[in-house]
Amino acid sequence: MRQTRAISWLKAARKEFEKFPAEAQTTMLAALTIAAEGGKADIAKPFKGVDGGVFEIALKHRGDAYRTIYAVQLGLDLIVIDAFQKKSKSGIKTPQADVDRIKERIKRLKESL
């Protein structure tokens, strides 16, 4: 029997996630469930630019790009750190403002744990 971890959300990440289209939310929640069960969904990959244990779920939906960032090595729960609709002008790369926000949230999480 698998040991499923709880999924915890930063309030701001949950608020943004709830703005995603319903189909995008369903797909991302399925990927988060896989992660909570110790796996990694096909649409998840390590998030570059931060310490290990942070992953990005990347989803294209009806011409838009959505991202959900979660950490598996901060505490006992899987923690959703950020969720946003990607509006990069530089192609595939995550905008620096989003990367900086994610790093700041991880830093605050580490301090609080």
PDB file of N, CA and C in Angstrom:
ATOM      1  N   MET A   1       0.830  -1.190   0.000  1.00  0.00           N
ATOM      2  CA  MET A   1       0.000   0.000   0.000  1.00  0.00           C
ATOM      3  C   MET A   1       0.878   1.257   0.000  1.00  0.00           C
ATOM      4  N   ARG A   2       0.520   2.194  -0.862  1.00  0.00           N
ATOM      5  CA  ARG A   2       1.316   3.412  -0.968  1.00  0.00           C
ATOM      6  C   ARG A   2       1.041   4.370   0.186  1.00  0.00           C
ATOM      7  N   GLN A   3       2.074   5.118   0.526  1.00  0.00           N
ATOM      8  CA  GLN A   3       1.966   6.139   1.545  1.00  0.00           C
ATOM      9  C   GLN A   3       1.735   7.472   0.842  1.00  0.00           C
ATOM     10  N   THR A   4       0.517   7.977   0.853  1.00  0.00           N
ATOM     11  CA  THR A   4       0.203   9.233   0.188  1.00  0.00           C
ATOM     12  C   THR A   4       0.416  10.391   1.148  1.00  0.00           C
ATOM     13  N   ARG A   5       1.160  11.381   0.684  1.00  0.00           N
ATOM     14  CA  ARG A   5       1.412  12.577   1.481  1.00  0.00           C
ATOM     15  C   ARG A   5       0.258  13.556   1.302  1.00  0.00           C
ATOM     16  N   ALA A   6       0.055  14.368   2.299  1.00  0.00           N
ATOM     17  CA  ALA A   6      -0.943  15.439   2.181  1.00  0.00           C
ATOM     18  C   ALA A   6      -0.410  16.505   1.222  1.00  0.00           C
ATOM     19  N   ILE A   7      -1.323  17.171   0.546  1.00  0.00           N
ATOM     20  CA  ILE A   7      -0.956  18.282  -0.333  1.00  0.00           C
ATOM     21  C   ILE A   7      -1.374  19.566   0.366  1.00  0.00           C
ATOM     22  N   SER A   8      -0.386  20.418   0.657  1.00  0.00           N
ATOM     23  CA  SER A   8      -0.645  21.707   1.296  1.00  0.00           C
ATOM     24  C   SER A   8      -0.406  22.817   0.272  1.00  0.00           C
ATOM     25  N   TRP A   9      -1.126  23.895   0.413  1.00  0.00           N
ATOM     26  CA  TRP A   9      -1.045  25.005  -0.537  1.00  0.00           C
ATOM     27  C   TRP A   9      -0.681  26.294   0.182  1.00  0.00           C
ATOM     28  N   LEU A  10       0.215  27.084  -0.410  1.00  0.00           N
ATOM     29  CA  LEU A  10       0.347  28.457   0.037  1.00  0.00           C
ATOM     30  C   LEU A  10      -0.920  29.168  -0.423  1.00  0.00           C
ATOM     31  N   LYS A  11      -1.444  30.037   0.403  1.00  0.00           N
ATOM     32  CA  LYS A  11      -2.726  30.684   0.110  1.00  0.00           C
ATOM     33  C   LYS A  11      -2.726  31.372  -1.257  1.00  0.00           C
ATOM     34  N   ALA A  12      -1.666  32.095  -1.579  1.00  0.00           N
ATOM     35  CA  ALA A  12      -1.598  32.814  -2.854  1.00  0.00           C
ATOM     36  C   ALA A  12      -1.585  31.841  -4.034  1.00  0.00           C
ATOM     37  N   ALA A  13      -0.909  30.710  -3.873  1.00  0.00           N
ATOM     38  CA  ALA A  13      -0.859  29.714  -4.946  1.00  0.00           C
ATOM     39  C   ALA A  13      -2.242  29.120  -5.183  1.00  0.00           C
ATOM     40  N   ARG A  14      -2.961  28.832  -4.117  1.00  0.00           N
ATOM     41  CA  ARG A  14      -4.309  28.257  -4.245  1.00  0.00           C
ATOM     42  C   ARG A  14      -5.252  29.240  -4.937  1.00  0.00           C
ATOM     43  N   LYS A  15      -5.136  30.502  -4.570  1.00  0.00           N
ATOM     44  CA  LYS A  15      -5.988  31.539  -5.156  1.00  0.00           C
ATOM     45  C   LYS A  15      -5.765  31.646  -6.667  1.00  0.00           C
ATOM     46  N   GLU A  16      -4.516  31.629  -7.083  1.00  0.00           N
ATOM     47  CA  GLU A  16      -4.199  31.694  -8.522  1.00  0.00           C
ATOM     48  C   GLU A  16      -4.639  30.425  -9.244  1.00  0.00           C
ATOM     49  N   PHE A  17      -4.403  29.273  -8.609  1.00  0.00           N
ATOM     50  CA  PHE A  17      -4.771  27.993  -9.204  1.00  0.00           C
ATOM     51  C   PHE A  17      -6.269  27.935  -9.496  1.00  0.00           C
ATOM     52  N   GLU A  18      -7.054  28.488  -8.611  1.00  0.00           N
ATOM     53  CA  GLU A  18      -8.508  28.459  -8.776  1.00  0.00           C
ATOM     54  C   GLU A  18      -8.989  29.305  -9.950  1.00  0.00           C
ATOM     55  N   LYS A  19      -8.125  30.142 -10.509  1.00  0.00           N
ATOM     56  CA  LYS A  19      -8.456  30.933 -11.701  1.00  0.00           C
ATOM     57  C   LYS A  19      -8.235  30.137 -12.995  1.00  0.00           C
ATOM     58  N   PHE A  20      -7.528  29.006 -12.908  1.00  0.00           N
ATOM     59  CA  PHE A  20      -7.270  28.183 -14.087  1.00  0.00           C
ATOM     60  C   PHE A  20      -8.585  27.610 -14.601  1.00  0.00           C
ATOM     61  N   PRO A  21      -8.671  27.302 -15.909  1.00  0.00           N
ATOM     62  CA  PRO A  21      -9.859  26.604 -16.417  1.00  0.00           C
ATOM     63  C   PRO A  21     -10.026  25.254 -15.705  1.00  0.00           C
ATOM     64  N   ALA A  22     -11.268  24.808 -15.584  1.00  0.00           N
ATOM     65  CA  ALA A  22     -11.569  23.570 -14.850  1.00  0.00           C
ATOM     66  C   ALA A  22     -10.773  22.382 -15.371  1.00  0.00           C
ATOM     67  N   GLU A  23     -10.650  22.245 -16.697  1.00  0.00           N
ATOM     68  CA  GLU A  23      -9.917  21.102 -17.264  1.00  0.00           C
ATOM     69  C   GLU A  23      -8.438  21.154 -16.885  1.00  0.00           C
ATOM     70  N   ALA A  24      -7.870  22.352 -16.865  1.00  0.00           N
ATOM     71  CA  ALA A  24      -6.462  22.508 -16.477  1.00  0.00           C
ATOM     72  C   ALA A  24      -6.281  22.155 -15.003  1.00  0.00           C
ATOM     73  N   GLN A  25      -7.228  22.586 -14.166  1.00  0.00           N
ATOM     74  CA  GLN A  25      -7.151  22.248 -12.739  1.00  0.00           C
ATOM     75  C   GLN A  25      -7.197  20.733 -12.537  1.00  0.00           C
ATOM     76  N   THR A  26      -8.099  20.065 -13.238  1.00  0.00           N
ATOM     77  CA  THR A  26      -8.241  18.610 -13.097  1.00  0.00           C
ATOM     78  C   THR A  26      -6.948  17.898 -13.474  1.00  0.00           C
ATOM     79  N   THR A  27      -6.346  18.291 -14.600  1.00  0.00           N
ATOM     80  CA  THR A  27      -5.099  17.674 -15.051  1.00  0.00           C
ATOM     81  C   THR A  27      -3.976  17.914 -14.055  1.00  0.00           C
ATOM     82  N   MET A  28      -3.881  19.137 -13.550  1.00  0.00           N
ATOM     83  CA  MET A  28      -2.813  19.462 -12.595  1.00  0.00           C
ATOM     84  C   MET A  28      -3.022  18.757 -11.266  1.00  0.00           C
ATOM     85  N   LEU A  29      -4.268  18.659 -10.807  1.00  0.00           N
ATOM     86  CA  LEU A  29      -4.525  17.940  -9.551  1.00  0.00           C
ATOM     87  C   LEU A  29      -4.160  16.468  -9.680  1.00  0.00           C
ATOM     88  N   ALA A  30      -4.396  15.886 -10.842  1.00  0.00           N
ATOM     89  CA  ALA A  30      -3.997  14.487 -11.060  1.00  0.00           C
ATOM     90  C   ALA A  30      -2.476  14.357 -10.968  1.00  0.00           C
ATOM     91  N   ALA A  31      -1.744  15.308 -11.553  1.00  0.00           N
ATOM     92  CA  ALA A  31      -0.279  15.280 -11.490  1.00  0.00           C
ATOM     93  C   ALA A  31       0.211  15.476 -10.052  1.00  0.00           C
ATOM     94  N   LEU A  32      -0.444  16.353  -9.294  1.00  0.00           N
ATOM     95  CA  LEU A  32      -0.069  16.556  -7.894  1.00  0.00           C
ATOM     96  C   LEU A  32      -0.346  15.299  -7.064  1.00  0.00           C
ATOM     97  N   THR A  33      -1.422  14.603  -7.371  1.00  0.00           N
ATOM     98  CA  THR A  33      -1.739  13.354  -6.667  1.00  0.00           C
ATOM     99  C   THR A  33      -0.664  12.303  -6.927  1.00  0.00           C
ATOM    100  N   ILE A  34      -0.211  12.205  -8.165  1.00  0.00           N
ATOM    101  CA  ILE A  34       0.877  11.273  -8.493  1.00  0.00           C
ATOM    102  C   ILE A  34       2.110  11.606  -7.658  1.00  0.00           C
ATOM    103  N   ALA A  35       2.413  12.902  -7.555  1.00  0.00           N
ATOM    104  CA  ALA A  35       3.577  13.329  -6.758  1.00  0.00           C
ATOM    105  C   ALA A  35       3.374  12.995  -5.279  1.00  0.00           C
ATOM    106  N   ALA A  36       2.171  13.206  -4.770  1.00  0.00           N
ATOM    107  CA  ALA A  36       1.881  12.919  -3.361  1.00  0.00           C
ATOM    108  C   ALA A  36       2.018  11.426  -3.061  1.00  0.00           C
ATOM    109  N   GLU A  37       1.845  10.610  -4.096  1.00  0.00           N
ATOM    110  CA  GLU A  37       1.991   9.156  -3.938  1.00  0.00           C
ATOM    111  C   GLU A  37       3.429   8.697  -4.186  1.00  0.00           C
ATOM    112  N   GLY A  38       4.337   9.639  -4.403  1.00  0.00           N
ATOM    113  CA  GLY A  38       5.747   9.305  -4.561  1.00  0.00           C
ATOM    114  C   GLY A  38       6.213   9.181  -5.999  1.00  0.00           C
ATOM    115  N   GLY A  39       5.371   9.461  -6.953  1.00  0.00           N
ATOM    116  CA  GLY A  39       5.737   9.378  -8.362  1.00  0.00           C
ATOM    117  C   GLY A  39       5.986  10.741  -8.971  1.00  0.00           C
ATOM    118  N   LYS A  40       6.098  10.766 -10.295  1.00  0.00           N
ATOM    119  CA  LYS A  40       6.269  12.018 -11.030  1.00  0.00           C
ATOM    120  C   LYS A  40       5.491  11.905 -12.323  1.00  0.00           C
ATOM    121  N   ALA A  41       4.547  12.806 -12.517  1.00  0.00           N
ATOM    122  CA  ALA A  41       3.726  12.801 -13.728  1.00  0.00           C
ATOM    123  C   ALA A  41       4.568  13.162 -14.945  1.00  0.00           C
ATOM    124  N   ASP A  42       4.117  12.748 -16.110  1.00  0.00           N
ATOM    125  CA  ASP A  42       4.820  13.061 -17.358  1.00  0.00           C
ATOM    126  C   ASP A  42       4.936  14.562 -17.597  1.00  0.00           C
ATOM    127  N   ILE A  43       3.993  15.337 -17.094  1.00  0.00           N
ATOM    128  CA  ILE A  43       4.015  16.782 -17.326  1.00  0.00           C
ATOM    129  C   ILE A  43       4.776  17.540 -16.232  1.00  0.00           C
ATOM    130  N   ALA A  44       5.419  16.819 -15.324  1.00  0.00           N
ATOM    131  CA  ALA A  44       6.217  17.443 -14.265  1.00  0.00           C
ATOM    132  C   ALA A  44       7.697  17.281 -14.572  1.00  0.00           C
ATOM    133  N   LYS A  45       8.471  18.286 -14.166  1.00  0.00           N
ATOM    134  CA  LYS A  45       9.923  18.231 -14.343  1.00  0.00           C
ATOM    135  C   LYS A  45      10.570  19.034 -13.226  1.00  0.00           C
ATOM    136  N   PRO A  46      11.843  18.760 -12.936  1.00  0.00           N
ATOM    137  CA  PRO A  46      12.520  19.559 -11.907  1.00  0.00           C
ATOM    138  C   PRO A  46      12.516  21.040 -12.311  1.00  0.00           C
ATOM    139  N   PHE A  47      12.313  21.907 -11.333  1.00  0.00           N
ATOM    140  CA  PHE A  47      12.314  23.344 -11.584  1.00  0.00           C
ATOM    141  C   PHE A  47      13.738  23.859 -11.441  1.00  0.00           C
ATOM    142  N   LYS A  48      14.275  24.393 -12.513  1.00  0.00           N
ATOM    143  CA  LYS A  48      15.658  24.873 -12.508  1.00  0.00           C
ATOM    144  C   LYS A  48      15.772  26.206 -11.775  1.00  0.00           C
ATOM    145  N   GLY A  49      16.935  26.431 -11.214  1.00  0.00           N
ATOM    146  CA  GLY A  49      17.208  27.704 -10.566  1.00  0.00           C
ATOM    147  C   GLY A  49      16.989  27.705  -9.064  1.00  0.00           C
ATOM    148  N   VAL A  50      16.535  26.584  -8.513  1.00  0.00           N
ATOM    149  CA  VAL A  50      16.351  26.475  -7.064  1.00  0.00           C
ATOM    150  C   VAL A  50      16.945  25.142  -6.616  1.00  0.00           C
ATOM    151  N   ASP A  51      17.016  24.968  -5.288  1.00  0.00           N
ATOM    152  CA  ASP A  51      17.541  23.709  -4.758  1.00  0.00           C
ATOM    153  C   ASP A  51      16.694  22.537  -5.222  1.00  0.00           C
ATOM    154  N   GLY A  52      17.237  21.339  -5.115  1.00  0.00           N
ATOM    155  CA  GLY A  52      16.516  20.137  -5.508  1.00  0.00           C
ATOM    156  C   GLY A  52      15.231  19.950  -4.711  1.00  0.00           C
ATOM    157  N   GLY A  53      14.380  19.101  -5.243  1.00  0.00           N
ATOM    158  CA  GLY A  53      13.131  18.805  -4.558  1.00  0.00           C
ATOM    159  C   GLY A  53      11.987  19.721  -4.932  1.00  0.00           C
ATOM    160  N   VAL A  54      12.215  20.634  -5.897  1.00  0.00           N
ATOM    161  CA  VAL A  54      11.167  21.534  -6.365  1.00  0.00           C
ATOM    162  C   VAL A  54      10.858  21.171  -7.813  1.00  0.00           C
ATOM    163  N   PHE A  55       9.575  20.994  -8.111  1.00  0.00           N
ATOM    164  CA  PHE A  55       9.155  20.558  -9.440  1.00  0.00           C
ATOM    165  C   PHE A  55       8.142  21.521 -10.033  1.00  0.00           C
ATOM    166  N   GLU A  56       8.066  21.488 -11.350  1.00  0.00           N
ATOM    167  CA  GLU A  56       7.144  22.332 -12.100  1.00  0.00           C
ATOM    168  C   GLU A  56       6.230  21.435 -12.924  1.00  0.00           C
ATOM    169  N   ILE A  57       4.939  21.660 -12.814  1.00  0.00           N
ATOM    170  CA  ILE A  57       3.980  21.001 -13.700  1.00  0.00           C
ATOM    171  C   ILE A  57       3.680  22.005 -14.802  1.00  0.00           C
ATOM    172  N   ALA A  58       3.986  21.627 -16.025  1.00  0.00           N
ATOM    173  CA  ALA A  58       3.787  22.516 -17.172  1.00  0.00           C
ATOM    174  C   ALA A  58       2.653  21.962 -18.025  1.00  0.00           C
ATOM    175  N   LEU A  59       1.669  22.795 -18.280  1.00  0.00           N
ATOM    176  CA  LEU A  59       0.498  22.356 -19.025  1.00  0.00           C
ATOM    177  C   LEU A  59       0.103  23.391 -20.065  1.00  0.00           C
ATOM    178  N   LYS A  60      -0.063  22.926 -21.288  1.00  0.00           N
ATOM    179  CA  LYS A  60      -0.629  23.778 -22.338  1.00  0.00           C
ATOM    180  C   LYS A  60      -2.102  23.427 -22.437  1.00  0.00           C
ATOM    181  N   HIS A  61      -2.933  24.464 -22.444  1.00  0.00           N
ATOM    182  CA  HIS A  61      -4.381  24.242 -22.505  1.00  0.00           C
ATOM    183  C   HIS A  61      -5.002  25.338 -23.370  1.00  0.00           C
ATOM    184  N   ARG A  62      -5.561  24.919 -24.503  1.00  0.00           N
ATOM    185  CA  ARG A  62      -6.245  25.837 -25.421  1.00  0.00           C
ATOM    186  C   ARG A  62      -5.413  27.064 -25.758  1.00  0.00           C
ATOM    187  N   GLY A  63      -4.147  26.843 -26.074  1.00  0.00           N
ATOM    188  CA  GLY A  63      -3.263  27.927 -26.489  1.00  0.00           C
ATOM    189  C   GLY A  63      -2.611  28.702 -25.368  1.00  0.00           C
ATOM    190  N   ASP A  64      -2.962  28.421 -24.127  1.00  0.00           N
ATOM    191  CA  ASP A  64      -2.345  29.092 -22.980  1.00  0.00           C
ATOM    192  C   ASP A  64      -1.437  28.115 -22.243  1.00  0.00           C
ATOM    193  N   ALA A  65      -0.510  28.659 -21.486  1.00  0.00           N
ATOM    194  CA  ALA A  65       0.420  27.832 -20.711  1.00  0.00           C
ATOM    195  C   ALA A  65       0.200  28.098 -19.227  1.00  0.00           C
ATOM    196  N   TYR A  66       0.082  27.018 -18.456  1.00  0.00           N
ATOM    197  CA  TYR A  66      -0.131  27.110 -17.012  1.00  0.00           C
ATOM    198  C   TYR A  66       0.985  26.367 -16.299  1.00  0.00           C
ATOM    199  N   ARG A  67       1.375  26.892 -15.142  1.00  0.00           N
ATOM    200  CA  ARG A  67       2.441  26.288 -14.354  1.00  0.00           C
ATOM    201  C   ARG A  67       2.003  26.172 -12.896  1.00  0.00           C
ATOM    202  N   THR A  68       2.375  25.070 -12.292  1.00  0.00           N
ATOM    203  CA  THR A  68       2.206  24.876 -10.855  1.00  0.00           C
ATOM    204  C   THR A  68       3.547  24.390 -10.324  1.00  0.00           C
ATOM    205  N   ILE A  69       4.031  25.040  -9.282  1.00  0.00           N
ATOM    206  CA  ILE A  69       5.338  24.725  -8.695  1.00  0.00           C
ATOM    207  C   ILE A  69       5.095  24.096  -7.322  1.00  0.00           C
ATOM    208  N   TYR A  70       5.733  22.944  -7.090  1.00  0.00           N
ATOM    209  CA  TYR A  70       5.559  22.287  -5.788  1.00  0.00           C
ATOM    210  C   TYR A  70       6.891  21.772  -5.269  1.00  0.00           C
ATOM    211  N   ALA A  71       6.948  21.625  -3.951  1.00  0.00           N
ATOM    212  CA  ALA A  71       8.160  21.146  -3.282  1.00  0.00           C
ATOM    213  C   ALA A  71       7.855  19.837  -2.565  1.00  0.00           C
ATOM    214  N   VAL A  72       8.778  18.899  -2.665  1.00  0.00           N
ATOM    215  CA  VAL A  72       8.601  17.611  -1.999  1.00  0.00           C
ATOM    216  C   VAL A  72       9.560  17.429  -0.821  1.00  0.00           C
ATOM    217  N   GLN A  73      10.471  18.376  -0.609  1.00  0.00           N
ATOM    218  CA  GLN A  73      11.462  18.201   0.457  1.00  0.00           C
ATOM    219  C   GLN A  73      11.370  19.259   1.550  1.00  0.00           C
ATOM    220  N   LEU A  74      10.234  19.908   1.656  1.00  0.00           N
ATOM    221  CA  LEU A  74      10.031  20.898   2.719  1.00  0.00           C
ATOM    222  C   LEU A  74       8.936  20.377   3.644  1.00  0.00           C
ATOM    223  N   GLY A  75       9.324  19.751   4.719  1.00  0.00           N
ATOM    224  CA  GLY A  75       8.340  19.216   5.648  1.00  0.00           C
ATOM    225  C   GLY A  75       7.768  17.884   5.179  1.00  0.00           C
ATOM    226  N   LEU A  76       6.715  17.437   5.847  1.00  0.00           N
ATOM    227  CA  LEU A  76       6.123  16.141   5.548  1.00  0.00           C
ATOM    228  C   LEU A  76       5.169  16.186   4.362  1.00  0.00           C
ATOM    229  N   ASP A  77       4.528  17.325   4.161  1.00  0.00           N
ATOM    230  CA  ASP A  77       3.556  17.458   3.078  1.00  0.00           C
ATOM    231  C   ASP A  77       4.238  17.803   1.759  1.00  0.00           C
ATOM    232  N   LEU A  78       3.525  17.539   0.681  1.00  0.00           N
ATOM    233  CA  LEU A  78       3.891  18.103  -0.609  1.00  0.00           C
ATOM    234  C   LEU A  78       3.308  19.516  -0.574  1.00  0.00           C
ATOM    235  N   ILE A  79       4.109  20.525  -0.861  1.00  0.00           N
ATOM    236  CA  ILE A  79       3.655  21.911  -0.719  1.00  0.00           C
ATOM    237  C   ILE A  79       3.612  22.591  -2.082  1.00  0.00           C
ATOM    238  N   VAL A  80       2.433  23.091  -2.444  1.00  0.00           N
ATOM    239  CA  VAL A  80       2.291  23.850  -3.689  1.00  0.00           C
ATOM    240  C   VAL A  80       2.706  25.284  -3.377  1.00  0.00           C
ATOM    241  N   ILE A  81       3.768  25.722  -4.063  1.00  0.00           N
ATOM    242  CA  ILE A  81       4.385  27.013  -3.786  1.00  0.00           C
ATOM    243  C   ILE A  81       3.809  28.124  -4.657  1.00  0.00           C
ATOM    244  N   ASP A  82       3.501  27.802  -5.906  1.00  0.00           N
ATOM    245  CA  ASP A  82       3.039  28.840  -6.823  1.00  0.00           C
ATOM    246  C   ASP A  82       2.224  28.207  -7.941  1.00  0.00           C
ATOM    247  N   ALA A  83       1.345  28.999  -8.508  1.00  0.00           N
ATOM    248  CA  ALA A  83       0.570  28.609  -9.683  1.00  0.00           C
ATOM    249  C   ALA A  83       0.348  29.878 -10.489  1.00  0.00           C
ATOM    250  N   PHE A  84       0.573  29.791 -11.793  1.00  0.00           N
ATOM    251  CA  PHE A  84       0.409  30.991 -12.605  1.00  0.00           C
ATOM    252  C   PHE A  84       0.194  30.623 -14.064  1.00  0.00           C
ATOM    253  N   GLN A  85      -0.412  31.554 -14.781  1.00  0.00           N
ATOM    254  CA  GLN A  85      -0.511  31.425 -16.221  1.00  0.00           C
ATOM    255  C   GLN A  85       0.742  32.075 -16.785  1.00  0.00           C
ATOM    256  N   LYS A  86       1.476  31.310 -17.564  1.00  0.00           N
ATOM    257  CA  LYS A  86       2.752  31.785 -18.093  1.00  0.00           C
ATOM    258  C   LYS A  86       2.496  32.736 -19.246  1.00  0.00           C
ATOM    259  N   LYS A  87       3.128  33.886 -19.155  1.00  0.00           N
ATOM    260  CA  LYS A  87       2.983  34.906 -20.197  1.00  0.00           C
ATOM    261  C   LYS A  87       4.352  35.396 -20.626  1.00  0.00           C
ATOM    262  N   SER A  88       5.269  34.464 -20.803  1.00  0.00           N
ATOM    263  CA  SER A  88       6.642  34.804 -21.137  1.00  0.00           C
ATOM    264  C   SER A  88       6.748  35.371 -22.541  1.00  0.00           C
ATOM    265  N   LYS A  89       7.534  36.406 -22.645  1.00  0.00           N
ATOM    266  CA  LYS A  89       7.834  36.981 -23.957  1.00  0.00           C
ATOM    267  C   LYS A  89       9.087  36.331 -24.542  1.00  0.00           C
ATOM    268  N   SER A  90       9.738  35.492 -23.726  1.00  0.00           N
ATOM    269  CA  SER A  90      11.023  34.906 -24.138  1.00  0.00           C
ATOM    270  C   SER A  90      10.892  33.414 -24.428  1.00  0.00           C
ATOM    271  N   GLY A  91       9.781  32.991 -25.000  1.00  0.00           N
ATOM    272  CA  GLY A  91       9.625  31.592 -25.383  1.00  0.00           C
ATOM    273  C   GLY A  91       9.363  30.704 -24.183  1.00  0.00           C
ATOM    274  N   ILE A  92      10.121  29.605 -24.114  1.00  0.00           N
ATOM    275  CA  ILE A  92       9.885  28.567 -23.100  1.00  0.00           C
ATOM    276  C   ILE A  92      10.317  28.986 -21.695  1.00  0.00           C
ATOM    277  N   LYS A  93      11.233  29.926 -21.596  1.00  0.00           N
ATOM    278  CA  LYS A  93      11.807  30.289 -20.307  1.00  0.00           C
ATOM    279  C   LYS A  93      10.783  30.952 -19.383  1.00  0.00           C
ATOM    280  N   THR A  94      10.821  30.561 -18.095  1.00  0.00           N
ATOM    281  CA  THR A  94       9.966  31.178 -17.090  1.00  0.00           C
ATOM    282  C   THR A  94      10.467  32.598 -16.825  1.00  0.00           C
ATOM    283  N   PRO A  95       9.584  33.592 -16.852  1.00  0.00           N
ATOM    284  CA  PRO A  95      10.013  34.969 -16.601  1.00  0.00           C
ATOM    285  C   PRO A  95      10.725  35.115 -15.265  1.00  0.00           C
ATOM    286  N   GLN A  96      11.727  35.983 -15.213  1.00  0.00           N
ATOM    287  CA  GLN A  96      12.542  36.162 -14.018  1.00  0.00           C
ATOM    288  C   GLN A  96      11.714  36.599 -12.822  1.00  0.00           C
ATOM    289  N   ALA A  97      10.704  37.419 -13.021  1.00  0.00           N
ATOM    290  CA  ALA A  97       9.861  37.861 -11.900  1.00  0.00           C
ATOM    291  C   ALA A  97       9.181  36.661 -11.238  1.00  0.00           C
ATOM    292  N   ASP A  98       8.744  35.686 -12.048  1.00  0.00           N
ATOM    293  CA  ASP A  98       8.121  34.483 -11.491  1.00  0.00           C
ATOM    294  C   ASP A  98       9.149  33.651 -10.730  1.00  0.00           C
ATOM    295  N   VAL A  99      10.349  33.507 -11.281  1.00  0.00           N
ATOM    296  CA  VAL A  99      11.417  32.748 -10.617  1.00  0.00           C
ATOM    297  C   VAL A  99      11.771  33.396  -9.275  1.00  0.00           C
ATOM    298  N   ASP A 100      11.878  34.727  -9.275  1.00  0.00           N
ATOM    299  CA  ASP A 100      12.211  35.437  -8.028  1.00  0.00           C
ATOM    300  C   ASP A 100      11.128  35.243  -6.973  1.00  0.00           C
ATOM    301  N   ARG A 101       9.863  35.294  -7.388  1.00  0.00           N
ATOM    302  CA  ARG A 101       8.749  35.093  -6.450  1.00  0.00           C
ATOM    303  C   ARG A 101       8.794  33.678  -5.859  1.00  0.00           C
ATOM    304  N   ILE A 102       9.080  32.694  -6.698  1.00  0.00           N
ATOM    305  CA  ILE A 102       9.160  31.304  -6.239  1.00  0.00           C
ATOM    306  C   ILE A 102      10.302  31.145  -5.242  1.00  0.00           C
ATOM    307  N   LYS A 103      11.464  31.710  -5.556  1.00  0.00           N
ATOM    308  CA  LYS A 103      12.612  31.621  -4.640  1.00  0.00           C
ATOM    309  C   LYS A 103      12.291  32.266  -3.297  1.00  0.00           C
ATOM    310  N   GLU A 104      11.615  33.397  -3.319  1.00  0.00           N
ATOM    311  CA  GLU A 104      11.259  34.091  -2.078  1.00  0.00           C
ATOM    312  C   GLU A 104      10.289  33.253  -1.251  1.00  0.00           C
ATOM    313  N   ARG A 105       9.312  32.633  -1.898  1.00  0.00           N
ATOM    314  CA  ARG A 105       8.360  31.800  -1.173  1.00  0.00           C
ATOM    315  C   ARG A 105       9.039  30.577  -0.558  1.00  0.00           C
ATOM    316  N   ILE A 106       9.976  29.974  -1.292  1.00  0.00           N
ATOM    317  CA  ILE A 106      10.716  28.825  -0.756  1.00  0.00           C
ATOM    318  C   ILE A 106      11.543  29.256   0.453  1.00  0.00           C
ATOM    319  N   LYS A 107      12.181  30.404   0.347  1.00  0.00           N
ATOM    320  CA  LYS A 107      12.990  30.920   1.457  1.00  0.00           C
ATOM    321  C   LYS A 107      12.125  31.120   2.704  1.00  0.00           C
ATOM    322  N   ARG A 108      10.957  31.741   2.543  1.00  0.00           N
ATOM    323  CA  ARG A 108      10.066  31.957   3.682  1.00  0.00           C
ATOM    324  C   ARG A 108       9.559  30.650   4.265  1.00  0.00           C
ATOM    325  N   LEU A 109       9.270  29.679   3.392  1.00  0.00           N
ATOM    326  CA  LEU A 109       8.828  28.363   3.866  1.00  0.00           C
ATOM    327  C   LEU A 109       9.899  27.696   4.708  1.00  0.00           C
ATOM    328  N   LYS A 110      11.126  27.719   4.214  1.00  0.00           N
ATOM    329  CA  LYS A 110      12.234  27.095   4.962  1.00  0.00           C
ATOM    330  C   LYS A 110      12.409  27.728   6.320  1.00  0.00           C
ATOM    331  N   GLU A 111      12.252  29.060   6.384  1.00  0.00           N
ATOM    332  CA  GLU A 111      12.394  29.770   7.653  1.00  0.00           C
ATOM    333  C   GLU A 111      11.291  29.407   8.633  1.00  0.00           C
ATOM    334  N   SER A 112      10.095  29.127   8.106  1.00  0.00           N
ATOM    335  CA  SER A 112       8.963  28.830   8.992  1.00  0.00           C
ATOM    336  C   SER A 112       8.925  27.380   9.453  1.00  0.00           C
ATOM    337  N   LEU A 113       9.682  26.500   8.789  1.00  0.00           N
ATOM    338  CA  LEU A 113       9.648  25.077   9.157  1.00  0.00           C
ATOM    339  C   LEU A 113      10.684  24.711  10.172  1.00  0.00           C
TER     340      LEU A 113
END
